[in-house]
Amino acid sequence: MKKKYIVKENKDFEKIIKEGKLRKNRSFLVYSLDNNLTYNKYGISVSKKLGNAVFRNKCKRKIRSIIDNLKKDYNIGKNYIIITRKGALDKNYQELNNDLSNLI
Protein backbone atom coordinates (compact mmCIF):
# COMPACT_ATOMS: atom_id res chain seq x y z
CA MET A 1 0.00 0.00 0.00
CA LYS A 2 1.41 3.38 -1.01
CA LYS A 3 1.94 6.09 1.60
CA LYS A 4 -0.69 8.38 0.10
CA TYR A 5 -3.33 5.75 0.96
CA ILE A 6 -2.46 5.69 4.68
CA VAL A 7 -3.95 7.74 7.52
CA LYS A 8 -1.10 8.40 9.96
CA GLU A 9 -1.78 11.52 11.99
CA ASN A 10 -3.51 11.27 15.35
CA LYS A 11 -5.83 14.22 14.61
CA ASP A 12 -7.07 12.44 11.47
CA PHE A 13 -7.69 9.24 13.44
CA GLU A 14 -9.64 11.17 16.07
CA LYS A 15 -11.74 13.02 13.48
CA ILE A 16 -12.68 9.84 11.62
CA ILE A 17 -13.55 8.01 14.85
CA LYS A 18 -15.56 10.94 16.21
CA GLU A 19 -17.50 11.84 13.05
CA GLY A 20 -17.48 8.59 11.08
CA LYS A 21 -19.92 5.71 10.89
CA LEU A 22 -19.12 2.59 12.92
CA ARG A 23 -19.54 -0.98 11.72
CA LYS A 24 -18.30 -3.86 13.81
CA ASN A 25 -18.11 -7.60 14.21
CA ARG A 26 -16.12 -9.94 16.46
CA SER A 27 -12.83 -9.29 14.66
CA PHE A 28 -12.85 -5.61 13.68
CA LEU A 29 -14.25 -2.15 14.32
CA VAL A 30 -14.38 -0.13 11.09
CA TYR A 31 -15.02 3.62 11.10
CA SER A 32 -15.67 5.29 7.75
CA LEU A 33 -15.90 8.94 6.78
CA ASP A 34 -16.17 10.60 3.36
CA ASN A 35 -13.20 12.53 2.01
CA ASN A 36 -12.85 14.79 -1.02
CA LEU A 37 -10.28 12.61 -2.77
CA THR A 38 -10.48 10.20 -5.70
CA TYR A 39 -9.06 7.35 -3.61
CA ASN A 40 -9.54 5.75 -0.20
CA LYS A 41 -7.27 6.19 2.79
CA TYR A 42 -6.83 3.56 5.50
CA GLY A 43 -5.63 3.62 9.08
CA ILE A 44 -4.92 0.39 10.93
CA SER A 45 -4.70 0.02 14.69
CA VAL A 46 -3.79 -3.06 16.73
CA SER A 47 -3.79 -2.68 20.52
CA LYS A 48 -0.81 -3.58 22.68
CA LYS A 49 -3.20 -5.73 24.72
CA LEU A 50 -3.40 -8.22 21.84
CA GLY A 51 0.28 -9.12 21.70
CA ASN A 52 3.87 -8.03 21.30
CA ALA A 53 5.23 -5.88 18.48
CA VAL A 54 5.97 -8.83 16.21
CA PHE A 55 2.38 -10.06 16.46
CA ARG A 56 0.90 -6.58 15.96
CA ASN A 57 3.00 -5.98 12.85
CA LYS A 58 1.98 -9.37 11.46
CA CYS A 59 -1.71 -8.44 11.95
CA LYS A 60 -1.18 -5.12 10.17
CA ARG A 61 0.52 -6.86 7.24
CA LYS A 62 -2.42 -9.24 6.90
CA ILE A 63 -4.92 -6.37 6.94
CA ARG A 64 -2.92 -4.40 4.35
CA SER A 65 -2.82 -7.46 2.13
CA ILE A 66 -6.59 -7.91 2.40
CA ILE A 67 -7.11 -4.23 1.53
CA ASP A 68 -4.82 -4.46 -1.52
CA ASN A 69 -6.58 -7.58 -2.81
CA LEU A 70 -10.09 -6.15 -2.42
CA LYS A 71 -9.40 -2.47 -3.17
CA LYS A 72 -11.46 -2.41 -6.40
CA ASP A 73 -14.60 -3.58 -4.55
CA TYR A 74 -14.67 -0.66 -2.09
CA ASN A 75 -16.39 2.72 -2.38
CA ILE A 76 -14.11 5.48 -3.64
CA GLY A 77 -13.55 8.65 -1.61
CA LYS A 78 -13.64 7.38 1.97
CA ASN A 79 -11.32 7.27 4.95
CA TYR A 80 -11.34 4.03 6.92
CA ILE A 81 -9.99 3.30 10.38
CA ILE A 82 -9.69 -0.44 11.05
CA ILE A 83 -9.26 -1.48 14.68
CA THR A 84 -8.46 -5.11 15.44
CA ARG A 85 -10.32 -6.84 18.27
CA LYS A 86 -9.58 -9.97 20.31
CA GLY A 87 -11.81 -12.08 18.07
CA ALA A 88 -9.22 -11.80 15.29
CA LEU A 89 -6.51 -13.57 17.28
CA ASP A 90 -7.49 -17.14 16.51
CA LYS A 91 -8.68 -16.64 12.91
CA ASN A 92 -6.79 -17.50 9.77
CA TYR A 93 -6.25 -15.21 6.77
CA GLN A 94 -9.36 -16.35 4.88
CA GLU A 95 -11.68 -15.77 7.86
CA LEU A 96 -10.19 -12.30 8.43
CA ASN A 97 -10.64 -11.56 4.74
CA ASN A 98 -14.35 -12.47 4.92
CA ASP A 99 -14.91 -10.47 8.12
CA LEU A 100 -13.23 -7.31 6.81
CA SER A 101 -14.81 -7.44 3.35
CA ASN A 102 -18.28 -7.78 4.92
CA LEU A 103 -17.72 -4.65 7.00
CA ILE A 104 -16.32 -2.49 4.22
PDB file of N, CA and C in Angstrom:
ATOM      1  N   MET A   1       0.852  -1.170   0.000  1.00  0.00           N
ATOM      2  CA  MET A   1       0.000   0.000   0.000  1.00  0.00           C
ATOM      3  C   MET A   1       0.902   1.238   0.000  1.00  0.00           C
ATOM      4  N   LYS A   2       0.612   2.168  -0.902  1.00  0.00           N
ATOM      5  CA  LYS A   2       1.405   3.382  -1.012  1.00  0.00           C
ATOM      6  C   LYS A   2       1.112   4.313   0.161  1.00  0.00           C
ATOM      7  N   LYS A   3       2.083   5.199   0.450  1.00  0.00           N
ATOM      8  CA  LYS A   3       1.944   6.090   1.602  1.00  0.00           C
ATOM      9  C   LYS A   3       0.785   7.066   1.474  1.00  0.00           C
ATOM     10  N   LYS A   4       0.410   7.421   0.251  1.00  0.00           N
ATOM     11  CA  LYS A   4      -0.688   8.378   0.105  1.00  0.00           C
ATOM     12  C   LYS A   4      -2.031   7.761   0.483  1.00  0.00           C
ATOM     13  N   TYR A   5      -2.101   6.438   0.597  1.00  0.00           N
ATOM     14  CA  TYR A   5      -3.333   5.746   0.964  1.00  0.00           C
ATOM     15  C   TYR A   5      -3.422   5.464   2.466  1.00  0.00           C
ATOM     16  N   ILE A   6      -2.510   6.005   3.260  1.00  0.00           N
ATOM     17  CA  ILE A   6      -2.457   5.691   4.682  1.00  0.00           C
ATOM     18  C   ILE A   6      -2.819   6.919   5.515  1.00  0.00           C
ATOM     19  N   VAL A   7      -3.650   6.710   6.531  1.00  0.00           N
ATOM     20  CA  VAL A   7      -3.952   7.742   7.522  1.00  0.00           C
ATOM     21  C   VAL A   7      -2.958   7.543   8.654  1.00  0.00           C
ATOM     22  N   LYS A   8      -2.133   8.566   8.943  1.00  0.00           N
ATOM     23  CA  LYS A   8      -1.103   8.402   9.959  1.00  0.00           C
ATOM     24  C   LYS A   8      -1.274   9.337  11.155  1.00  0.00           C
ATOM     25  N   GLU A   9      -1.768  10.526  10.926  1.00  0.00           N
ATOM     26  CA  GLU A   9      -1.782  11.522  11.993  1.00  0.00           C
ATOM     27  C   GLU A   9      -2.886  11.262  13.002  1.00  0.00           C
ATOM     28  N   ASN A  10      -2.576  11.518  14.251  1.00  0.00           N
ATOM     29  CA  ASN A  10      -3.507  11.274  15.351  1.00  0.00           C
ATOM     30  C   ASN A  10      -4.774  12.110  15.208  1.00  0.00           C
ATOM     31  N   LYS A  11      -4.649  13.364  14.761  1.00  0.00           N
ATOM     32  CA  LYS A  11      -5.834  14.220  14.614  1.00  0.00           C
ATOM     33  C   LYS A  11      -6.784  13.670  13.554  1.00  0.00           C
ATOM     34  N   ASP A  12      -6.234  13.054  12.498  1.00  0.00           N
ATOM     35  CA  ASP A  12      -7.073  12.443  11.469  1.00  0.00           C
ATOM     36  C   ASP A  12      -7.792  11.205  12.020  1.00  0.00           C
ATOM     37  N   PHE A  13      -7.076  10.390  12.800  1.00  0.00           N
ATOM     38  CA  PHE A  13      -7.693   9.237  13.440  1.00  0.00           C
ATOM     39  C   PHE A  13      -8.855   9.677  14.325  1.00  0.00           C
ATOM     40  N   GLU A  14      -8.613  10.689  15.153  1.00  0.00           N
ATOM     41  CA  GLU A  14      -9.641  11.169  16.072  1.00  0.00           C
ATOM     42  C   GLU A  14     -10.852  11.717  15.327  1.00  0.00           C
ATOM     43  N   LYS A  15     -10.630  12.449  14.250  1.00  0.00           N
ATOM     44  CA  LYS A  15     -11.735  13.025  13.482  1.00  0.00           C
ATOM     45  C   LYS A  15     -12.585  11.922  12.854  1.00  0.00           C
ATOM     46  N   ILE A  16     -11.941  10.921  12.269  1.00  0.00           N
ATOM     47  CA  ILE A  16     -12.676   9.835  11.623  1.00  0.00           C
ATOM     48  C   ILE A  16     -13.459   9.033  12.649  1.00  0.00           C
ATOM     49  N   ILE A  17     -12.856   8.780  13.807  1.00  0.00           N
ATOM     50  CA  ILE A  17     -13.548   8.013  14.851  1.00  0.00           C
ATOM     51  C   ILE A  17     -14.701   8.810  15.430  1.00  0.00           C
ATOM     52  N   LYS A  18     -14.513  10.108  15.612  1.00  0.00           N
ATOM     53  CA  LYS A  18     -15.557  10.940  16.211  1.00  0.00           C
ATOM     54  C   LYS A  18     -16.729  11.177  15.258  1.00  0.00           C
ATOM     55  N   GLU A  19     -16.450  11.449  13.988  1.00  0.00           N
ATOM     56  CA  GLU A  19     -17.498  11.841  13.045  1.00  0.00           C
ATOM     57  C   GLU A  19     -17.957  10.714  12.123  1.00  0.00           C
ATOM     58  N   GLY A  20     -17.184   9.645  12.045  1.00  0.00           N
ATOM     59  CA  GLY A  20     -17.478   8.593  11.076  1.00  0.00           C
ATOM     60  C   GLY A  20     -18.528   7.603  11.545  1.00  0.00           C
ATOM     61  N   LYS A  21     -18.946   6.757  10.606  1.00  0.00           N
ATOM     62  CA  LYS A  21     -19.921   5.707  10.894  1.00  0.00           C
ATOM     63  C   LYS A  21     -19.182   4.456  11.348  1.00  0.00           C
ATOM     64  N   LEU A  22     -19.736   3.789  12.347  1.00  0.00           N
ATOM     65  CA  LEU A  22     -19.116   2.595  12.917  1.00  0.00           C
ATOM     66  C   LEU A  22     -19.822   1.345  12.428  1.00  0.00           C
ATOM     67  N   ARG A  23     -19.038   0.369  12.007  1.00  0.00           N
ATOM     68  CA  ARG A  23     -19.536  -0.977  11.718  1.00  0.00           C
ATOM     69  C   ARG A  23     -18.600  -1.923  12.451  1.00  0.00           C
ATOM     70  N   LYS A  24     -19.150  -2.984  13.023  1.00  0.00           N
ATOM     71  CA  LYS A  24     -18.299  -3.861  13.814  1.00  0.00           C
ATOM     72  C   LYS A  24     -18.762  -5.305  13.730  1.00  0.00           C
ATOM     73  N   ASN A  25     -17.828  -6.186  14.023  1.00  0.00           N
ATOM     74  CA  ASN A  25     -18.109  -7.603  14.213  1.00  0.00           C
ATOM     75  C   ASN A  25     -17.128  -8.113  15.271  1.00  0.00           C
ATOM     76  N   ARG A  26     -16.978  -9.406  15.400  1.00  0.00           N
ATOM     77  CA  ARG A  26     -16.122  -9.943  16.458  1.00  0.00           C
ATOM     78  C   ARG A  26     -14.640  -9.685  16.219  1.00  0.00           C
ATOM     79  N   SER A  27     -14.245  -9.453  14.978  1.00  0.00           N
ATOM     80  CA  SER A  27     -12.828  -9.291  14.655  1.00  0.00           C
ATOM     81  C   SER A  27     -12.381  -7.839  14.505  1.00  0.00           C
ATOM     82  N   PHE A  28     -13.258  -6.974  14.019  1.00  0.00           N
ATOM     83  CA  PHE A  28     -12.851  -5.611  13.683  1.00  0.00           C
ATOM     84  C   PHE A  28     -13.899  -4.581  14.065  1.00  0.00           C
ATOM     85  N   LEU A  29     -13.431  -3.357  14.301  1.00  0.00           N
ATOM     86  CA  LEU A  29     -14.247  -2.146  14.315  1.00  0.00           C
ATOM     87  C   LEU A  29     -13.803  -1.352  13.098  1.00  0.00           C
ATOM     88  N   VAL A  30     -14.734  -0.903  12.284  1.00  0.00           N
ATOM     89  CA  VAL A  30     -14.379  -0.126  11.095  1.00  0.00           C
ATOM     90  C   VAL A  30     -15.170   1.179  11.129  1.00  0.00           C
ATOM     91  N   TYR A  31     -14.428   2.287  11.189  1.00  0.00           N
ATOM     92  CA  TYR A  31     -15.021   3.618  11.099  1.00  0.00           C
ATOM     93  C   TYR A  31     -14.795   4.128   9.686  1.00  0.00           C
ATOM     94  N   SER A  32     -15.818   4.739   9.097  1.00  0.00           N
ATOM     95  CA  SER A  32     -15.665   5.288   7.749  1.00  0.00           C
ATOM     96  C   SER A  32     -16.207   6.715   7.705  1.00  0.00           C
ATOM     97  N   LEU A  33     -15.523   7.543   6.928  1.00  0.00           N
ATOM     98  CA  LEU A  33     -15.903   8.939   6.777  1.00  0.00           C
ATOM     99  C   LEU A  33     -15.545   9.368   5.361  1.00  0.00           C
ATOM    100  N   ASP A  34     -16.430  10.130   4.722  1.00  0.00           N
ATOM    101  CA  ASP A  34     -16.175  10.596   3.358  1.00  0.00           C
ATOM    102  C   ASP A  34     -15.009  11.587   3.338  1.00  0.00           C
ATOM    103  N   ASN A  35     -14.229  11.521   2.251  1.00  0.00           N
ATOM    104  CA  ASN A  35     -13.197  12.529   2.011  1.00  0.00           C
ATOM    105  C   ASN A  35     -13.408  13.111   0.618  1.00  0.00           C
ATOM    106  N   ASN A  36     -12.672  14.126   0.276  1.00  0.00           N
ATOM    107  CA  ASN A  36     -12.847  14.788  -1.023  1.00  0.00           C
ATOM    108  C   ASN A  36     -11.785  14.353  -2.020  1.00  0.00           C
ATOM    109  N   LEU A  37     -11.337  13.121  -1.917  1.00  0.00           N
ATOM    110  CA  LEU A  37     -10.282  12.609  -2.775  1.00  0.00           C
ATOM    111  C   LEU A  37     -10.839  11.564  -3.734  1.00  0.00           C
ATOM    112  N   THR A  38     -10.052  11.205  -4.723  1.00  0.00           N
ATOM    113  CA  THR A  38     -10.479  10.203  -5.699  1.00  0.00           C
ATOM    114  C   THR A  38      -9.997   8.808  -5.321  1.00  0.00           C
ATOM    115  N   TYR A  39      -9.536   8.646  -4.095  1.00  0.00           N
ATOM    116  CA  TYR A  39      -9.064   7.351  -3.613  1.00  0.00           C
ATOM    117  C   TYR A  39      -9.388   7.223  -2.128  1.00  0.00           C
ATOM    118  N   ASN A  40      -9.288   6.015  -1.621  1.00  0.00           N
ATOM    119  CA  ASN A  40      -9.543   5.750  -0.202  1.00  0.00           C
ATOM    120  C   ASN A  40      -8.255   5.858   0.592  1.00  0.00           C
ATOM    121  N   LYS A  41      -8.400   6.189   1.877  1.00  0.00           N
ATOM    122  CA  LYS A  41      -7.272   6.192   2.795  1.00  0.00           C
ATOM    123  C   LYS A  41      -7.622   5.265   3.952  1.00  0.00           C
ATOM    124  N   TYR A  42      -6.617   4.560   4.459  1.00  0.00           N
ATOM    125  CA  TYR A  42      -6.829   3.563   5.496  1.00  0.00           C
ATOM    126  C   TYR A  42      -5.890   3.801   6.671  1.00  0.00           C
ATOM    127  N   GLY A  43      -6.425   3.614   7.868  1.00  0.00           N
ATOM    128  CA  GLY A  43      -5.630   3.618   9.081  1.00  0.00           C
ATOM    129  C   GLY A  43      -5.870   2.308   9.800  1.00  0.00           C
ATOM    130  N   ILE A  44      -4.808   1.688  10.280  1.00  0.00           N
ATOM    131  CA  ILE A  44      -4.916   0.385  10.927  1.00  0.00           C
ATOM    132  C   ILE A  44      -4.372   0.513  12.334  1.00  0.00           C
ATOM    133  N   SER A  45      -5.120  -0.025  13.294  1.00  0.00           N
ATOM    134  CA  SER A  45      -4.703   0.017  14.688  1.00  0.00           C
ATOM    135  C   SER A  45      -4.848  -1.362  15.318  1.00  0.00           C
ATOM    136  N   VAL A  46      -3.780  -1.802  15.988  1.00  0.00           N
ATOM    137  CA  VAL A  46      -3.795  -3.057  16.729  1.00  0.00           C
ATOM    138  C   VAL A  46      -3.302  -2.733  18.131  1.00  0.00           C
ATOM    139  N   SER A  47      -4.088  -3.035  19.140  1.00  0.00           N
ATOM    140  CA  SER A  47      -3.790  -2.682  20.518  1.00  0.00           C
ATOM    141  C   SER A  47      -2.621  -3.485  21.076  1.00  0.00           C
ATOM    142  N   LYS A  48      -1.896  -2.877  22.003  1.00  0.00           N
ATOM    143  CA  LYS A  48      -0.815  -3.579  22.685  1.00  0.00           C
ATOM    144  C   LYS A  48      -1.331  -4.730  23.532  1.00  0.00           C
ATOM    145  N   LYS A  49      -2.601  -4.676  23.902  1.00  0.00           N
ATOM    146  CA  LYS A  49      -3.196  -5.732  24.722  1.00  0.00           C
ATOM    147  C   LYS A  49      -3.276  -7.060  23.970  1.00  0.00           C
ATOM    148  N   LEU A  50      -3.242  -7.008  22.642  1.00  0.00           N
ATOM    149  CA  LEU A  50      -3.399  -8.222  21.842  1.00  0.00           C
ATOM    150  C   LEU A  50      -2.111  -9.014  21.702  1.00  0.00           C
ATOM    151  N   GLY A  51      -0.967  -8.377  21.839  1.00  0.00           N
ATOM    152  CA  GLY A  51       0.280  -9.119  21.703  1.00  0.00           C
ATOM    153  C   GLY A  51       1.476  -8.193  21.590  1.00  0.00           C
ATOM    154  N   ASN A  52       2.638  -8.812  21.395  1.00  0.00           N
ATOM    155  CA  ASN A  52       3.865  -8.031  21.297  1.00  0.00           C
ATOM    156  C   ASN A  52       3.983  -7.379  19.917  1.00  0.00           C
ATOM    157  N   ALA A  53       5.065  -6.649  19.703  1.00  0.00           N
ATOM    158  CA  ALA A  53       5.233  -5.876  18.476  1.00  0.00           C
ATOM    159  C   ALA A  53       5.275  -6.769  17.232  1.00  0.00           C
ATOM    160  N   VAL A  54       5.890  -7.921  17.349  1.00  0.00           N
ATOM    161  CA  VAL A  54       5.971  -8.831  16.210  1.00  0.00           C
ATOM    162  C   VAL A  54       4.570  -9.274  15.789  1.00  0.00           C
ATOM    163  N   PHE A  55       3.748  -9.634  16.755  1.00  0.00           N
ATOM    164  CA  PHE A  55       2.381 -10.061  16.460  1.00  0.00           C
ATOM    165  C   PHE A  55       1.557  -8.923  15.873  1.00  0.00           C
ATOM    166  N   ARG A  56       1.675  -7.727  16.449  1.00  0.00           N
ATOM    167  CA  ARG A  56       0.902  -6.583  15.962  1.00  0.00           C
ATOM    168  C   ARG A  56       1.276  -6.229  14.522  1.00  0.00           C
ATOM    169  N   ASN A  57       2.570  -6.267  14.210  1.00  0.00           N
ATOM    170  CA  ASN A  57       3.001  -5.976  12.847  1.00  0.00           C
ATOM    171  C   ASN A  57       2.521  -7.039  11.866  1.00  0.00           C
ATOM    172  N   LYS A  58       2.481  -8.287  12.304  1.00  0.00           N
ATOM    173  CA  LYS A  58       1.977  -9.370  11.457  1.00  0.00           C
ATOM    174  C   LYS A  58       0.492  -9.148  11.150  1.00  0.00           C
ATOM    175  N   CYS A  59      -0.284  -8.739  12.155  1.00  0.00           N
ATOM    176  CA  CYS A  59      -1.710  -8.436  11.954  1.00  0.00           C
ATOM    177  C   CYS A  59      -1.880  -7.299  10.956  1.00  0.00           C
ATOM    178  N   LYS A  60      -1.074  -6.254  11.082  1.00  0.00           N
ATOM    179  CA  LYS A  60      -1.181  -5.116  10.170  1.00  0.00           C
ATOM    180  C   LYS A  60      -0.832  -5.520   8.743  1.00  0.00           C
ATOM    181  N   ARG A  61       0.172  -6.375   8.578  1.00  0.00           N
ATOM    182  CA  ARG A  61       0.524  -6.856   7.236  1.00  0.00           C
ATOM    183  C   ARG A  61      -0.616  -7.643   6.614  1.00  0.00           C
ATOM    184  N   LYS A  62      -1.273  -8.482   7.413  1.00  0.00           N
ATOM    185  CA  LYS A  62      -2.424  -9.245   6.903  1.00  0.00           C
ATOM    186  C   LYS A  62      -3.543  -8.311   6.455  1.00  0.00           C
ATOM    187  N   ILE A  63      -3.846  -7.308   7.261  1.00  0.00           N
ATOM    188  CA  ILE A  63      -4.923  -6.369   6.941  1.00  0.00           C
ATOM    189  C   ILE A  63      -4.579  -5.579   5.680  1.00  0.00           C
ATOM    190  N   ARG A  64      -3.326  -5.121   5.551  1.00  0.00           N
ATOM    191  CA  ARG A  64      -2.916  -4.397   4.345  1.00  0.00           C
ATOM    192  C   ARG A  64      -3.048  -5.272   3.106  1.00  0.00           C
ATOM    193  N   SER A  65      -2.703  -6.534   3.250  1.00  0.00           N
ATOM    194  CA  SER A  65      -2.816  -7.462   2.133  1.00  0.00           C
ATOM    195  C   SER A  65      -4.276  -7.647   1.717  1.00  0.00           C
ATOM    196  N   ILE A  66      -5.157  -7.778   2.687  1.00  0.00           N
ATOM    197  CA  ILE A  66      -6.590  -7.909   2.398  1.00  0.00           C
ATOM    198  C   ILE A  66      -7.093  -6.657   1.677  1.00  0.00           C
ATOM    199  N   ILE A  67      -6.690  -5.489   2.147  1.00  0.00           N
ATOM    200  CA  ILE A  67      -7.110  -4.231   1.526  1.00  0.00           C
ATOM    201  C   ILE A  67      -6.620  -4.151   0.089  1.00  0.00           C
ATOM    202  N   ASP A  68      -5.366  -4.514  -0.159  1.00  0.00           N
ATOM    203  CA  ASP A  68      -4.824  -4.464  -1.516  1.00  0.00           C
ATOM    204  C   ASP A  68      -5.549  -5.419  -2.453  1.00  0.00           C
ATOM    205  N   ASN A  69      -5.908  -6.591  -1.958  1.00  0.00           N
ATOM    206  CA  ASN A  69      -6.582  -7.576  -2.808  1.00  0.00           C
ATOM    207  C   ASN A  69      -8.018  -7.189  -3.135  1.00  0.00           C
ATOM    208  N   LEU A  70      -8.684  -6.480  -2.240  1.00  0.00           N
ATOM    209  CA  LEU A  70     -10.094  -6.150  -2.424  1.00  0.00           C
ATOM    210  C   LEU A  70     -10.337  -4.668  -2.701  1.00  0.00           C
ATOM    211  N   LYS A  71      -9.297  -3.925  -3.024  1.00  0.00           N
ATOM    212  CA  LYS A  71      -9.404  -2.470  -3.172  1.00  0.00           C
ATOM    213  C   LYS A  71     -10.427  -2.050  -4.225  1.00  0.00           C
ATOM    214  N   LYS A  72     -10.548  -2.798  -5.317  1.00  0.00           N
ATOM    215  CA  LYS A  72     -11.458  -2.407  -6.399  1.00  0.00           C
ATOM    216  C   LYS A  72     -12.922  -2.561  -6.013  1.00  0.00           C
ATOM    217  N   ASP A  73     -13.226  -3.344  -4.965  1.00  0.00           N
ATOM    218  CA  ASP A  73     -14.603  -3.577  -4.555  1.00  0.00           C
ATOM    219  C   ASP A  73     -15.136  -2.512  -3.598  1.00  0.00           C
ATOM    220  N   TYR A  74     -14.265  -1.635  -3.093  1.00  0.00           N
ATOM    221  CA  TYR A  74     -14.665  -0.665  -2.086  1.00  0.00           C
ATOM    222  C   TYR A  74     -15.181   0.619  -2.724  1.00  0.00           C
ATOM    223  N   ASN A  75     -15.941   1.395  -1.947  1.00  0.00           N
ATOM    224  CA  ASN A  75     -16.388   2.715  -2.383  1.00  0.00           C
ATOM    225  C   ASN A  75     -15.187   3.650  -2.474  1.00  0.00           C
ATOM    226  N   ILE A  76     -15.207   4.531  -3.447  1.00  0.00           N
ATOM    227  CA  ILE A  76     -14.112   5.477  -3.641  1.00  0.00           C
ATOM    228  C   ILE A  76     -14.423   6.763  -2.877  1.00  0.00           C
ATOM    229  N   GLY A  77     -13.394   7.364  -2.292  1.00  0.00           N
ATOM    230  CA  GLY A  77     -13.546   8.645  -1.615  1.00  0.00           C
ATOM    231  C   GLY A  77     -13.907   8.525  -0.156  1.00  0.00           C
ATOM    232  N   LYS A  78     -13.361   7.532   0.538  1.00  0.00           N
ATOM    233  CA  LYS A  78     -13.639   7.378   1.971  1.00  0.00           C
ATOM    234  C   LYS A  78     -12.345   7.189   2.740  1.00  0.00           C
ATOM    235  N   ASN A  79     -12.383   7.578   3.998  1.00  0.00           N
ATOM    236  CA  ASN A  79     -11.317   7.275   4.946  1.00  0.00           C
ATOM    237  C   ASN A  79     -11.811   6.156   5.841  1.00  0.00           C
ATOM    238  N   TYR A  80     -10.987   5.154   6.053  1.00  0.00           N
ATOM    239  CA  TYR A  80     -11.341   4.034   6.922  1.00  0.00           C
ATOM    240  C   TYR A  80     -10.331   3.905   8.044  1.00  0.00           C
ATOM    241  N   ILE A  81     -10.828   3.668   9.249  1.00  0.00           N
ATOM    242  CA  ILE A  81      -9.991   3.295  10.379  1.00  0.00           C
ATOM    243  C   ILE A  81     -10.396   1.878  10.762  1.00  0.00           C
ATOM    244  N   ILE A  82      -9.440   0.966  10.747  1.00  0.00           N
ATOM    245  CA  ILE A  82      -9.693  -0.439  11.053  1.00  0.00           C
ATOM    246  C   ILE A  82      -9.000  -0.761  12.359  1.00  0.00           C
ATOM    247  N   ILE A  83      -9.783  -1.144  13.365  1.00  0.00           N
ATOM    248  CA  ILE A  83      -9.256  -1.484  14.680  1.00  0.00           C
ATOM    249  C   ILE A  83      -9.471  -2.975  14.911  1.00  0.00           C
ATOM    250  N   THR A  84      -8.398  -3.665  15.235  1.00  0.00           N
ATOM    251  CA  THR A  84      -8.461  -5.108  15.444  1.00  0.00           C
ATOM    252  C   THR A  84      -8.921  -5.415  16.859  1.00  0.00           C
ATOM    253  N   ARG A  85      -9.795  -6.414  16.980  1.00  0.00           N
ATOM    254  CA  ARG A  85     -10.322  -6.842  18.272  1.00  0.00           C
ATOM    255  C   ARG A  85      -9.786  -8.226  18.633  1.00  0.00           C
ATOM    256  N   LYS A  86     -10.061  -8.670  19.846  1.00  0.00           N
ATOM    257  CA  LYS A  86      -9.577  -9.971  20.311  1.00  0.00           C
ATOM    258  C   LYS A  86     -10.087 -11.135  19.478  1.00  0.00           C
ATOM    259  N   GLY A  87     -11.253 -10.997  18.879  1.00  0.00           N
ATOM    260  CA  GLY A  87     -11.814 -12.076  18.074  1.00  0.00           C
ATOM    261  C   GLY A  87     -10.972 -12.431  16.860  1.00  0.00           C
ATOM    262  N   ALA A  88     -10.056 -11.548  16.462  1.00  0.00           N
ATOM    263  CA  ALA A  88      -9.223 -11.801  15.288  1.00  0.00           C
ATOM    264  C   ALA A  88      -7.997 -12.648  15.611  1.00  0.00           C
ATOM    265  N   LEU A  89      -7.736 -12.874  16.886  1.00  0.00           N
ATOM    266  CA  LEU A  89      -6.511 -13.566  17.279  1.00  0.00           C
ATOM    267  C   LEU A  89      -6.436 -14.998  16.778  1.00  0.00           C
ATOM    268  N   ASP A  90      -7.526 -15.718  16.830  1.00  0.00           N
ATOM    269  CA  ASP A  90      -7.494 -17.137  16.506  1.00  0.00           C
ATOM    270  C   ASP A  90      -8.053 -17.441  15.115  1.00  0.00           C
ATOM    271  N   LYS A  91      -8.148 -16.428  14.257  1.00  0.00           N
ATOM    272  CA  LYS A  91      -8.684 -16.644  12.909  1.00  0.00           C
ATOM    273  C   LYS A  91      -7.557 -16.670  11.887  1.00  0.00           C
ATOM    274  N   ASN A  92      -7.776 -17.447  10.836  1.00  0.00           N
ATOM    275  CA  ASN A  92      -6.788 -17.496   9.769  1.00  0.00           C
ATOM    276  C   ASN A  92      -7.041 -16.368   8.768  1.00  0.00           C
ATOM    277  N   TYR A  93      -6.185 -16.306   7.745  1.00  0.00           N
ATOM    278  CA  TYR A  93      -6.249 -15.209   6.774  1.00  0.00           C
ATOM    279  C   TYR A  93      -7.598 -15.157   6.053  1.00  0.00           C
ATOM    280  N   GLN A  94      -8.109 -16.308   5.642  1.00  0.00           N
ATOM    281  CA  GLN A  94      -9.363 -16.349   4.878  1.00  0.00           C
ATOM    282  C   GLN A  94     -10.550 -15.854   5.716  1.00  0.00           C
ATOM    283  N   GLU A  95     -10.589 -16.225   6.985  1.00  0.00           N
ATOM    284  CA  GLU A  95     -11.677 -15.769   7.863  1.00  0.00           C
ATOM    285  C   GLU A  95     -11.582 -14.260   8.095  1.00  0.00           C
ATOM    286  N   LEU A  96     -10.361 -13.750   8.280  1.00  0.00           N
ATOM    287  CA  LEU A  96     -10.188 -12.304   8.435  1.00  0.00           C
ATOM    288  C   LEU A  96     -10.599 -11.567   7.164  1.00  0.00           C
ATOM    289  N   ASN A  97     -10.267 -12.141   6.024  1.00  0.00           N
ATOM    290  CA  ASN A  97     -10.637 -11.556   4.740  1.00  0.00           C
ATOM    291  C   ASN A  97     -12.161 -11.438   4.632  1.00  0.00           C
ATOM    292  N   ASN A  98     -12.878 -12.491   4.972  1.00  0.00           N
ATOM    293  CA  ASN A  98     -14.349 -12.473   4.923  1.00  0.00           C
ATOM    294  C   ASN A  98     -14.919 -11.438   5.881  1.00  0.00           C
ATOM    295  N   ASP A  99     -14.403 -11.406   7.120  1.00  0.00           N
ATOM    296  CA  ASP A  99     -14.906 -10.470   8.116  1.00  0.00           C
ATOM    297  C   ASP A  99     -14.720  -9.014   7.665  1.00  0.00           C
ATOM    298  N   LEU A 100     -13.535  -8.704   7.184  1.00  0.00           N
ATOM    299  CA  LEU A 100     -13.230  -7.315   6.805  1.00  0.00           C
ATOM    300  C   LEU A 100     -13.995  -6.905   5.542  1.00  0.00           C
ATOM    301  N   SER A 101     -14.083  -7.794   4.579  1.00  0.00           N
ATOM    302  CA  SER A 101     -14.808  -7.436   3.345  1.00  0.00           C
ATOM    303  C   SER A 101     -16.298  -7.245   3.608  1.00  0.00           C
ATOM    304  N   ASN A 102     -16.872  -7.976   4.562  1.00  0.00           N
ATOM    305  CA  ASN A 102     -18.284  -7.777   4.918  1.00  0.00           C
ATOM    306  C   ASN A 102     -18.502  -6.413   5.559  1.00  0.00           C
ATOM    307  N   LEU A 103     -17.550  -5.942   6.337  1.00  0.00           N
ATOM    308  CA  LEU A 103     -17.720  -4.648   7.004  1.00  0.00           C
ATOM    309  C   LEU A 103     -17.536  -3.477   6.042  1.00  0.00           C
ATOM    310  N   ILE A 104     -16.601  -3.606   5.127  1.00  0.00           N
ATOM    311  CA  ILE A 104     -16.324  -2.489   4.217  1.00  0.00           C
ATOM    312  C   ILE A 104     -17.236  -2.568   3.023  1.00  0.00           C
TER     313      ILE A 104
END
